[in-house]
Amino acid sequence: MNANTYVVIMAGGIGSRFWPFSRINHPKQFHDVLGIGESLLQSTVKRFEGICPPEHIYVVTNKEYASLVKEHLPNLAEEQLLLEPIGRNTAPCIAYATYKILAKDPNANIVVSPADHVILREESFKKCINQALEATKNRDILVTLGIKPTRPDTGYGYIQFLDNDHQDDLKKVKTFTEKPSLEIAQMFIDSGEFVWNSGIFIWNVKAIVQAFEEHLGELADTFEEGRAVLNTDKEEAFINRAYSHSRNISIDYGIMEKADNVFVIEGDFGWSDLGSWNSLYSVTDKTSEGNVVDGNILLYDVNNCIIKTPKDQLVVVQGLTDYIIAEHDNVLMICRREDEQKVKDFVSDAKSQKGNQYI
C-alpha cells in the first residue's frame, strides 16, 4: 500500500436502466442487488481495502444521498464525502475530487471507480489495479481497465487498442466508441481489437490535471480558482458556484476520447457494471431452466427469465421465455429481455404520463 494512493468512488448516479428497482430516492448503489448482505457501495469500498489507506477513500455523490452514504459507510469521515449540488456527469465529479486531492497531495496517484459495479474475482482485480498504479506512479499517462467482451452488448462503450512490442500489459488506446449498434458491436468482437470500457480509471494527479487543462479548460480554470478553499469551511459555497458554471459532460467524451496518452490494461476479474437487467442476469446463478429468481415465486414452463419481486407476496408465472419481471415499491415491469434498452423510455413515459412518484 502506497501512502500517496487515493480512491475516488462515484456514487451519484440514478441507474435508470435498472428501474423499477433503482429509483431517484434510492438508487441501485444503495441496494443489496446480489443478496450478499451488503450494498453495492459497501462492496466497492471493501474491494479497495489494502489498495490505499482508509482515510484516502473519497465518495462523490449528490447531496440528496448524503444520509444514505453515511448510513452505508458509517466510518467515512465528513471530509471524505464530496457532495455535488446537482448532477453534471462524470467530468465535473472527477474534477472536484481531483482538485481536492491535489490541494492535499501533489504526488497523489488516483483510482476512480463507479460505486455500482460487480467484481467477482477481487484478487485478480486488485492485481490489475496495482499494476496500473505502478504504471502511473512515474508516468504521466491515463489508464483505463478494459474487459474482454463476451457478447455484442450495445449498452457498453468499446475501446480499440494497439498491440505493443513491450512485455507489460499496457496497450495504447486507438479509439473509443460509445454504445454501438448490434452489428457494429459484433464486428468489434470479431476483430479481436476491442475491449469493453469498464469506466475504472487510474492516473497520477499531475496527468489528469494536465488533461483537464488541455481538453476541458473551462472546468480546469473553475476548479483551479477554488483550489485554495478546498478542504476548508468555504468548500461547500465554492462547489455550489462551480457546479452552476460546469457543463454536463462525461470524462470519456471530455478527455479520454481526445487525449493521446491513454492506455488500457485488459482485465479478467468477473466484471459487470450492473447497468441493466441483462447485466445482472449474466453474473447471477441460474436455475436449471436458466432463470434468475429473487422472491417468493412459483414458476411453470418458464425459461431464461429474470424475476425479482418482493418476498412478502407470492408471484406465479407461467409460459414465459426470455422476460424480465421486476416489481419494487409501487411499480411492476414486465419486459422482453431483448428489449431491455427500452427501460429508459419506460421511465421517461412513467414520469410524463403518471408522475414522479413512479420514478
Protein backbone atom coordinates (compact mmCIF):
# COMPACT_ATOMS: atom_id res chain seq x y z
CA MET A 1 0.00 0.00 0.00
CA ASN A 2 1.38 3.38 -1.04
CA ALA A 3 0.71 6.42 1.14
CA ASN A 4 0.16 8.55 -1.99
CA THR A 5 -2.62 6.34 -3.36
CA TYR A 6 -6.21 7.60 -3.30
CA VAL A 7 -9.52 6.07 -4.42
CA VAL A 8 -12.45 8.14 -5.71
CA ILE A 9 -15.81 6.36 -5.78
CA MET A 10 -18.54 7.91 -7.91
CA ALA A 11 -21.88 7.23 -6.22
CA GLY A 12 -24.24 9.85 -7.57
CA GLY A 13 -25.97 8.04 -10.44
CA ILE A 14 -29.65 7.16 -10.58
CA GLY A 15 -29.31 3.90 -12.55
CA SER A 16 -32.47 4.39 -14.59
CA ARG A 17 -31.84 1.31 -16.77
CA PHE A 18 -32.30 -0.77 -13.61
CA TRP A 19 -35.78 0.64 -12.97
CA PRO A 20 -38.08 -0.03 -11.15
CA PHE A 21 -35.58 -1.43 -8.64
CA SER A 22 -33.33 1.64 -8.89
CA ARG A 23 -35.24 4.83 -8.08
CA ILE A 24 -34.37 8.50 -7.69
CA ASN A 25 -34.77 8.38 -3.92
CA HIS A 26 -32.92 5.07 -3.55
CA PRO A 27 -30.56 4.26 -6.47
CA LYS A 28 -29.11 0.81 -7.05
CA GLN A 29 -25.74 1.56 -5.38
CA PHE A 30 -27.58 1.57 -2.05
CA HIS A 31 -29.26 -1.80 -2.66
CA ASP A 32 -28.06 -5.33 -1.89
CA VAL A 33 -28.57 -6.30 -5.52
CA LEU A 34 -26.84 -9.68 -5.29
CA GLY A 35 -28.34 -10.72 -1.97
CA ILE A 36 -24.95 -10.97 -0.23
CA GLY A 37 -25.74 -8.85 2.82
CA GLU A 38 -24.10 -5.61 1.66
CA SER A 39 -24.95 -2.86 -0.78
CA LEU A 40 -23.03 -2.25 -4.00
CA LEU A 41 -21.46 0.84 -2.42
CA GLN A 42 -20.32 -1.13 0.62
CA SER A 43 -18.87 -3.84 -1.63
CA THR A 44 -16.99 -1.24 -3.67
CA VAL A 45 -15.35 0.36 -0.63
CA LYS A 46 -14.47 -3.05 0.78
CA ARG A 47 -12.89 -4.00 -2.54
CA PHE A 48 -10.22 -1.33 -2.12
CA GLU A 49 -9.02 -2.49 1.29
CA GLY A 50 -5.25 -2.73 1.09
CA ILE A 51 -5.06 -0.56 -2.06
CA CYS A 52 -4.93 2.74 -0.18
CA PRO A 53 -5.22 3.99 3.43
CA PRO A 54 -8.88 4.04 4.56
CA GLU A 55 -8.76 7.82 5.01
CA HIS A 56 -7.79 8.19 1.33
CA ILE A 57 -11.12 6.88 0.03
CA TYR A 58 -13.42 9.64 -1.22
CA VAL A 59 -17.07 9.15 -2.15
CA VAL A 60 -18.63 11.68 -4.53
CA THR A 61 -22.42 11.75 -4.57
CA ASN A 62 -25.39 14.07 -4.86
CA LYS A 63 -26.16 15.97 -1.68
CA GLU A 64 -29.58 14.28 -1.63
CA TYR A 65 -27.83 10.98 -0.92
CA ALA A 66 -25.59 12.21 1.91
CA SER A 67 -27.60 10.46 4.61
CA LEU A 68 -27.71 7.22 2.61
CA VAL A 69 -23.91 7.23 2.18
CA LYS A 70 -23.43 7.85 5.90
CA GLU A 71 -25.84 5.04 6.71
CA HIS A 72 -23.98 2.60 4.48
CA LEU A 73 -20.47 3.86 5.35
CA PRO A 74 -20.62 4.99 8.99
CA ASN A 75 -16.82 5.08 9.29
CA LEU A 76 -16.42 7.55 6.44
CA ALA A 77 -15.21 10.93 7.74
CA GLU A 78 -17.03 14.12 6.72
CA GLU A 79 -14.08 15.33 4.65
CA GLN A 80 -14.17 12.06 2.65
CA LEU A 81 -17.74 12.71 1.49
CA LEU A 82 -17.91 15.05 -1.51
CA LEU A 83 -21.42 16.37 -2.11
CA GLU A 84 -22.48 17.59 -5.54
CA PRO A 85 -25.29 20.19 -5.56
CA ILE A 86 -26.54 18.94 -8.95
CA GLY A 87 -25.60 16.10 -11.28
CA ARG A 88 -23.23 17.16 -14.01
CA ASN A 89 -21.97 13.75 -15.25
CA THR A 90 -18.54 12.29 -14.54
CA ALA A 91 -16.13 15.05 -15.66
CA PRO A 92 -17.10 17.65 -13.01
CA CYS A 93 -17.39 14.85 -10.44
CA ILE A 94 -13.82 13.72 -11.15
CA ALA A 95 -12.56 17.32 -11.34
CA TYR A 96 -13.97 18.03 -7.86
CA ALA A 97 -12.21 15.02 -6.35
CA THR A 98 -9.01 15.63 -8.32
CA TYR A 99 -8.51 19.22 -7.21
CA LYS A 100 -9.48 18.40 -3.62
CA ILE A 101 -6.83 15.67 -3.53
CA LEU A 102 -4.30 17.92 -5.33
CA ALA A 103 -4.72 20.52 -2.59
CA LYS A 104 -3.57 17.91 -0.07
CA ASP A 105 -1.09 15.79 -2.02
CA PRO A 106 0.59 16.92 -5.28
CA ASN A 107 2.12 13.43 -5.60
CA ALA A 108 -1.19 11.61 -5.47
CA ASN A 109 -1.85 8.50 -7.55
CA ILE A 110 -5.61 8.08 -8.04
CA VAL A 111 -8.07 5.28 -8.84
CA VAL A 112 -11.55 6.35 -9.98
CA SER A 113 -14.33 3.77 -9.76
CA PRO A 114 -18.11 3.73 -10.04
CA ALA A 115 -19.98 2.56 -6.93
CA ASP A 116 -22.34 0.15 -8.65
CA HIS A 117 -20.13 -2.44 -10.34
CA VAL A 118 -19.76 -6.12 -9.55
CA ILE A 119 -16.32 -7.73 -9.37
CA LEU A 120 -16.47 -11.49 -8.85
CA ARG A 121 -12.71 -12.18 -8.69
CA GLU A 122 -11.39 -9.49 -6.41
CA GLU A 123 -7.79 -10.70 -6.13
CA SER A 124 -7.43 -10.53 -9.93
CA PHE A 125 -9.00 -7.07 -9.81
CA LYS A 126 -6.52 -5.86 -7.18
CA LYS A 127 -3.66 -7.21 -9.28
CA CYS A 128 -4.81 -5.12 -12.26
CA ILE A 129 -5.27 -2.03 -10.09
CA ASN A 130 -1.81 -2.35 -8.55
CA GLN A 131 -0.29 -2.92 -11.98
CA ALA A 132 -1.94 0.26 -13.25
CA LEU A 133 -0.89 2.25 -10.17
CA GLU A 134 2.69 1.15 -10.69
CA ALA A 135 2.49 2.34 -14.31
CA THR A 136 1.03 5.75 -13.44
CA LYS A 137 3.25 6.39 -10.43
CA ASN A 138 6.12 7.61 -12.58
CA ARG A 139 4.47 8.20 -15.96
CA ASP A 140 2.02 10.92 -16.92
CA ILE A 141 -0.48 8.63 -18.62
CA LEU A 142 -4.20 7.95 -18.29
CA VAL A 143 -5.05 4.28 -17.79
CA THR A 144 -8.41 2.54 -18.01
CA LEU A 145 -9.26 -1.08 -17.30
CA GLY A 146 -10.73 -2.91 -20.28
CA ILE A 147 -12.86 -6.05 -20.16
CA LYS A 148 -12.76 -8.77 -22.81
CA PRO A 149 -16.23 -8.78 -24.41
CA THR A 150 -18.32 -11.92 -24.02
CA ARG A 151 -21.22 -10.78 -26.19
CA PRO A 152 -22.05 -7.91 -28.60
CA ASP A 153 -23.59 -5.73 -25.90
CA THR A 154 -24.94 -2.39 -27.19
CA GLY A 155 -25.08 -0.87 -23.70
CA TYR A 156 -21.30 -0.66 -23.21
CA GLY A 157 -18.57 1.56 -24.57
CA TYR A 158 -15.80 -0.12 -26.57
CA ILE A 159 -12.06 0.60 -26.61
CA GLN A 160 -9.87 -0.25 -29.59
CA PHE A 161 -6.26 -0.87 -28.64
CA LEU A 162 -2.97 -1.17 -30.47
CA ASP A 163 -0.73 -4.16 -29.97
CA ASN A 164 2.59 -3.20 -28.47
CA ASP A 165 6.04 -4.70 -28.53
CA HIS A 166 6.56 -4.33 -24.80
CA GLN A 167 6.38 -7.08 -22.22
CA ASP A 168 3.91 -5.25 -19.99
CA ASP A 169 0.14 -5.40 -20.40
CA LEU A 170 -0.28 -1.68 -21.10
CA LYS A 171 -1.73 -1.15 -24.56
CA LYS A 172 -2.09 2.18 -26.29
CA VAL A 173 -5.68 3.17 -26.92
CA LYS A 174 -6.60 3.95 -30.52
CA THR A 175 -10.33 4.76 -30.34
CA PHE A 176 -13.33 4.92 -28.00
CA THR A 177 -16.80 4.06 -29.30
CA GLU A 178 -19.81 4.64 -27.07
CA LYS A 179 -22.72 2.16 -27.25
CA PRO A 180 -22.52 0.96 -30.88
CA SER A 181 -25.28 -0.76 -32.83
CA LEU A 182 -25.57 -4.55 -32.52
CA GLU A 183 -24.00 -5.07 -35.94
CA ILE A 184 -21.01 -2.85 -35.17
CA ALA A 185 -20.58 -4.39 -31.72
CA GLN A 186 -20.38 -7.83 -33.34
CA MET A 187 -17.74 -6.51 -35.78
CA PHE A 188 -15.73 -5.18 -32.84
CA ILE A 189 -15.78 -8.56 -31.12
CA ASP A 190 -14.89 -10.44 -34.31
CA SER A 191 -11.87 -8.19 -34.87
CA GLY A 192 -10.29 -9.07 -31.51
CA GLU A 193 -9.06 -5.47 -31.20
CA PHE A 194 -11.68 -4.15 -28.78
CA VAL A 195 -12.46 -4.41 -25.08
CA TRP A 196 -15.37 -3.09 -23.06
CA ASN A 197 -14.78 0.20 -21.28
CA SER A 198 -15.14 -0.60 -17.57
CA GLY A 199 -15.28 3.05 -16.51
CA ILE A 200 -12.50 2.43 -13.98
CA PHE A 201 -9.57 4.84 -14.38
CA ILE A 202 -6.09 5.19 -12.90
CA TRP A 203 -3.75 8.17 -13.20
CA ASN A 204 -1.50 10.42 -11.18
CA VAL A 205 -2.89 13.80 -10.20
CA LYS A 206 -0.46 15.72 -12.42
CA ALA A 207 -1.52 13.79 -15.52
CA ILE A 208 -5.26 14.23 -15.02
CA VAL A 209 -4.94 17.94 -14.13
CA GLN A 210 -2.91 18.42 -17.30
CA ALA A 211 -5.63 16.60 -19.26
CA PHE A 212 -8.33 18.85 -17.77
CA GLU A 213 -6.28 21.94 -18.68
CA GLU A 214 -5.79 20.74 -22.25
CA HIS A 215 -9.22 19.33 -23.07
CA LEU A 216 -11.67 20.87 -20.56
CA GLY A 217 -10.06 24.23 -19.94
CA GLU A 218 -13.12 25.99 -18.53
CA LEU A 219 -13.61 23.24 -15.97
CA ALA A 220 -9.92 23.31 -15.06
CA ASP A 221 -9.99 27.10 -14.63
CA THR A 222 -13.06 26.90 -12.40
CA PHE A 223 -11.57 24.36 -10.01
CA GLU A 224 -8.08 25.88 -10.07
CA GLU A 225 -9.55 29.18 -8.90
CA GLY A 226 -11.14 27.46 -5.93
CA ARG A 227 -8.29 25.15 -5.02
CA ALA A 228 -7.28 27.29 -2.03
CA VAL A 229 -10.68 26.88 -0.36
CA LEU A 230 -10.99 23.14 -0.88
CA ASN A 231 -10.63 21.26 2.42
CA THR A 232 -11.81 24.40 4.28
CA ASP A 233 -15.18 25.59 5.57
CA LYS A 234 -15.59 27.59 2.34
CA GLU A 235 -15.59 24.47 0.16
CA GLU A 236 -19.37 23.97 0.00
CA ALA A 237 -20.08 27.53 -1.17
CA PHE A 238 -17.37 27.26 -3.82
CA ILE A 239 -18.66 23.90 -5.09
CA ASN A 240 -22.18 25.29 -5.40
CA ARG A 241 -20.85 28.11 -7.60
CA ALA A 242 -18.52 25.82 -9.55
CA TYR A 243 -21.26 23.36 -10.46
CA SER A 244 -23.58 26.15 -11.57
CA HIS A 245 -20.95 27.05 -14.19
CA SER A 246 -19.98 23.49 -15.15
CA ARG A 247 -21.44 21.83 -18.22
CA ASN A 248 -22.80 18.31 -18.21
CA ILE A 249 -20.10 16.16 -19.78
CA SER A 250 -18.60 12.72 -19.22
CA ILE A 251 -14.91 12.11 -18.62
CA ASP A 252 -14.94 9.72 -21.60
CA TYR A 253 -16.17 12.32 -24.06
CA GLY A 254 -14.40 15.28 -22.47
CA ILE A 255 -10.94 13.77 -22.02
CA MET A 256 -10.45 10.05 -22.71
CA GLU A 257 -11.60 10.21 -26.35
CA LYS A 258 -9.35 13.20 -27.06
CA ALA A 259 -6.13 12.61 -25.10
CA ASP A 260 -3.17 10.94 -26.82
CA ASN A 261 -1.66 9.41 -23.67
CA VAL A 262 -4.43 6.91 -22.89
CA PHE A 263 -3.61 3.26 -22.23
CA VAL A 264 -5.68 0.22 -21.36
CA ILE A 265 -4.98 -2.86 -19.28
CA GLU A 266 -7.22 -5.81 -20.11
CA GLY A 267 -8.64 -7.43 -17.02
CA ASP A 268 -10.41 -10.72 -16.40
CA PHE A 269 -11.98 -10.43 -12.98
CA GLY A 270 -15.68 -11.18 -13.42
CA TRP A 271 -16.77 -7.61 -14.08
CA SER A 272 -20.26 -6.28 -14.66
CA ASP A 273 -21.40 -2.67 -14.44
CA LEU A 274 -24.90 -3.83 -13.39
CA GLY A 275 -26.16 -1.15 -15.71
CA SER A 276 -29.14 -3.18 -16.82
CA TRP A 277 -31.23 -6.23 -16.03
CA ASN A 278 -29.33 -8.40 -18.50
CA SER A 279 -26.03 -7.49 -16.86
CA LEU A 280 -27.44 -8.72 -13.55
CA TYR A 281 -28.66 -11.87 -15.31
CA SER A 282 -25.17 -12.53 -16.67
CA VAL A 283 -23.45 -12.58 -13.24
CA THR A 284 -26.13 -14.32 -11.16
CA ASP A 285 -26.58 -18.04 -10.51
CA LYS A 286 -29.37 -19.58 -12.57
CA THR A 287 -31.79 -22.46 -12.15
CA SER A 288 -31.66 -25.49 -14.45
CA GLU A 289 -34.21 -23.69 -16.64
CA GLY A 290 -31.92 -20.66 -16.95
CA ASN A 291 -33.95 -18.44 -14.65
CA VAL A 292 -32.63 -15.89 -12.15
CA VAL A 293 -35.11 -15.79 -9.30
CA ASP A 294 -35.27 -13.48 -6.27
CA GLY A 295 -38.56 -13.52 -4.39
CA ASN A 296 -41.43 -15.76 -3.31
CA ILE A 297 -42.11 -17.28 -6.72
CA LEU A 298 -43.76 -20.29 -8.39
CA LEU A 299 -42.75 -20.95 -12.00
CA TYR A 300 -44.44 -23.14 -14.63
CA ASP A 301 -42.87 -23.60 -18.05
CA VAL A 302 -40.66 -20.52 -17.59
CA ASN A 303 -37.18 -20.31 -19.13
CA ASN A 304 -34.29 -17.83 -19.25
CA CYS A 305 -36.15 -15.16 -17.30
CA ILE A 306 -35.02 -12.82 -14.55
CA ILE A 307 -37.64 -12.34 -11.86
CA LYS A 308 -37.10 -10.02 -8.90
CA THR A 309 -40.12 -9.33 -6.72
CA PRO A 310 -40.92 -8.57 -3.05
CA LYS A 311 -40.59 -11.54 -0.74
CA ASP A 312 -43.79 -10.73 1.13
CA GLN A 313 -46.05 -11.58 -1.82
CA LEU A 314 -46.44 -14.75 -3.85
CA VAL A 315 -45.79 -14.38 -7.60
CA VAL A 316 -46.91 -17.06 -10.06
CA VAL A 317 -45.53 -17.02 -13.62
CA GLN A 318 -46.47 -19.41 -16.43
CA GLY A 319 -45.34 -19.83 -20.02
CA LEU A 320 -42.73 -17.09 -20.45
CA THR A 321 -39.26 -17.26 -22.02
CA ASP A 322 -36.61 -14.53 -22.01
CA TYR A 323 -38.52 -11.97 -19.96
CA ILE A 324 -37.74 -9.50 -17.17
CA ILE A 325 -40.32 -9.41 -14.40
CA ALA A 326 -39.42 -6.82 -11.78
CA GLU A 327 -41.51 -5.31 -9.02
CA HIS A 328 -40.36 -2.76 -6.46
CA ASP A 329 -42.35 -0.35 -4.34
CA ASN A 330 -45.27 0.84 -6.50
CA VAL A 331 -44.14 -0.39 -9.94
CA LEU A 332 -44.35 -3.75 -11.70
CA MET A 333 -42.48 -4.06 -15.02
CA ILE A 334 -42.73 -6.95 -17.48
CA CYS A 335 -40.42 -6.63 -20.47
CA ARG A 336 -38.71 -8.85 -23.02
CA ARG A 337 -35.03 -9.24 -22.15
CA GLU A 338 -34.03 -8.37 -25.71
CA ASP A 339 -35.79 -5.00 -25.29
CA GLU A 340 -34.11 -4.02 -22.01
CA GLN A 341 -32.68 -0.84 -23.57
CA LYS A 342 -36.27 0.45 -23.69
CA VAL A 343 -36.36 0.67 -19.89
CA LYS A 344 -35.16 4.29 -20.07
CA ASP A 345 -38.14 5.03 -22.32
CA PHE A 346 -40.44 3.41 -19.78
CA VAL A 347 -39.00 5.65 -17.07
CA SER A 348 -39.49 8.77 -19.20
CA ASP A 349 -43.07 7.82 -20.06
CA ALA A 350 -43.87 6.93 -16.45
CA LYS A 351 -42.65 10.35 -15.34
CA SER A 352 -44.50 12.34 -18.01
CA GLN A 353 -47.75 10.33 -18.03
CA LYS A 354 -48.07 9.00 -14.47
CA GLY A 355 -46.00 11.26 -12.23
CA ASN A 356 -42.72 11.48 -10.31
CA GLN A 357 -43.88 9.04 -7.64
CA TYR A 358 -43.18 6.17 -10.04
CA ILE A 359 -39.56 7.04 -10.79
